[in-house]
Protein backbone atom coordinates (compact mmCIF):
# COMPACT_ATOMS: atom_id res chain seq x y z
CA UNK A 1 -13.94 22.50 -2.30
CA UNK A 2 -10.17 23.41 -2.69
CA UNK A 3 -8.95 24.95 0.75
CA UNK A 4 -6.21 27.07 1.03
CA UNK A 5 -4.01 25.33 0.27
CA UNK A 6 -5.22 23.49 -2.92
CA UNK A 7 -6.16 25.11 -6.86
CA UNK A 8 -9.34 23.50 -7.69
CA UNK A 9 -8.78 22.56 -11.66
CA UNK A 10 -11.34 22.18 -14.18
CA UNK A 11 -11.38 18.93 -14.34
CA UNK A 12 -11.98 18.28 -11.09
CA UNK A 13 -7.92 17.71 -9.59
CA UNK A 14 -6.14 19.66 -7.48
CA UNK A 15 -3.17 21.47 -7.14
CA UNK A 16 -2.10 21.14 -3.85
CA UNK A 17 1.11 22.83 -2.47
CA UNK A 18 3.97 21.03 -0.55
CA UNK A 19 6.02 21.51 1.62
CA UNK A 20 9.85 22.61 1.61
CA UNK A 21 10.81 18.50 2.32
CA UNK A 22 8.65 17.49 -0.73
CA UNK A 23 10.06 19.95 -2.96
CA UNK A 24 14.16 18.46 -1.86
CA UNK A 25 12.30 15.28 -2.40
CA UNK A 26 11.30 16.05 -5.94
CA UNK A 27 14.76 17.64 -7.38
CA UNK A 28 16.41 14.59 -6.13
CA UNK A 29 13.98 11.97 -7.30
CA UNK A 30 14.56 14.50 -11.07
CA UNK A 31 18.03 14.23 -10.51
CA UNK A 32 17.80 10.86 -10.49
CA UNK A 33 15.26 10.97 -13.78
CA UNK A 34 17.43 12.90 -16.50
CA UNK A 35 20.20 11.68 -18.18
CA UNK A 36 21.62 15.21 -18.85
CA UNK A 37 20.87 19.07 -18.20
CA UNK A 38 18.32 19.04 -21.12
CA UNK A 39 15.72 16.60 -19.56
CA UNK A 40 15.91 18.12 -15.73
CA UNK A 41 13.54 20.55 -16.19
CA UNK A 42 10.71 18.36 -17.79
CA UNK A 43 11.83 15.81 -14.94
CA UNK A 44 11.51 18.11 -12.12
CA UNK A 45 8.10 19.45 -13.38
CA UNK A 46 7.18 16.14 -13.67
CA UNK A 47 8.40 15.13 -9.90
CA UNK A 48 6.65 17.97 -8.94
CA UNK A 49 3.01 17.10 -10.21
CA UNK A 50 3.73 13.76 -8.87
CA UNK A 51 3.24 15.24 -5.46
CA UNK A 52 1.10 18.44 -5.98
CA UNK A 53 -1.78 16.88 -8.53
CA UNK A 54 -4.65 15.53 -5.99
CA UNK A 55 -7.59 13.72 -6.87
CA UNK A 56 -9.55 14.43 -3.97
CA UNK A 57 -7.29 13.29 -0.79
CA UNK A 58 -5.38 11.24 -3.01
CA UNK A 59 -2.22 11.51 -5.35
CA UNK A 60 -2.61 11.09 -8.78
CA UNK A 61 0.74 9.71 -9.83
CA UNK A 62 2.94 7.84 -7.87
CA UNK A 63 6.66 8.82 -9.14
CA UNK A 64 7.92 11.68 -11.61
CA UNK A 65 8.29 8.38 -14.01
CA UNK A 66 4.58 7.66 -14.04
CA UNK A 67 4.10 11.43 -14.64
CA UNK A 68 6.19 11.29 -17.90
CA UNK A 69 4.08 8.25 -18.68
CA UNK A 70 1.04 9.74 -18.56
CA UNK A 71 1.35 12.92 -19.57
CA UNK A 72 2.04 15.19 -21.95
CA UNK A 73 5.18 17.35 -22.05
CA UNK A 74 2.77 19.92 -23.07
CA UNK A 75 0.84 18.82 -20.08
CA UNK A 76 3.38 18.70 -17.92
CA UNK A 77 4.51 22.12 -18.79
CA UNK A 78 1.18 23.93 -17.92
CA UNK A 79 0.31 22.05 -15.43
CA UNK A 80 3.54 22.98 -13.64
CA UNK A 81 3.11 26.69 -14.61
CA UNK A 82 -0.27 26.72 -13.26
CA UNK A 83 1.37 25.49 -10.06
CA UNK A 84 4.23 28.02 -9.69
CA UNK A 85 1.95 30.60 -10.36
CA UNK A 86 -0.11 29.47 -7.15
CA UNK A 87 2.93 28.95 -5.34
CA UNK A 88 3.90 32.34 -5.44
CA UNK A 89 0.61 33.49 -4.79
CA UNK A 90 0.36 31.55 -1.83
CA UNK A 91 3.87 32.24 -0.89
CA UNK A 92 5.49 35.37 -1.67
CA UNK A 93 9.10 35.46 -2.03
CA UNK A 94 11.17 36.44 0.86
CA UNK A 95 12.71 39.26 -1.20
CA UNK A 96 9.71 41.76 -1.05
CA UNK A 97 10.31 44.84 1.09
CA UNK A 98 7.96 45.08 3.77
CA UNK A 99 5.37 47.08 2.01
CA UNK A 100 5.61 44.93 -0.61
CA UNK A 101 4.28 41.96 1.48
CA UNK A 102 1.98 43.92 3.38
CA UNK A 103 0.27 44.60 -0.10
CA UNK A 104 0.36 40.63 -0.75
CA UNK A 105 -1.51 39.98 2.58
CA UNK A 106 -4.14 42.38 2.22
CA UNK A 107 -5.21 41.23 -1.75
């Protein structure tokens, strides 16, 4: 069963929320993988998923490079979009007004 910091996927895997440090590490790894700016978004998503995509208590991939080798572009895009939606829902933006933030907390 998924906890508050994980999102259960239909295939039995989970997406987990990441710490700020993990996100910075994913960005740095993506910078090393991407040869040019056009590749940056895909590499960033792959590196994020390497940290967020879990099977039980184990990561599915050990690096962004492994995600790029193991998943299709469509799978990477879809999974990273689901992760971002989950992250936004669980960690509302600091730019929300106090009233908006209270409404998010209630829901």
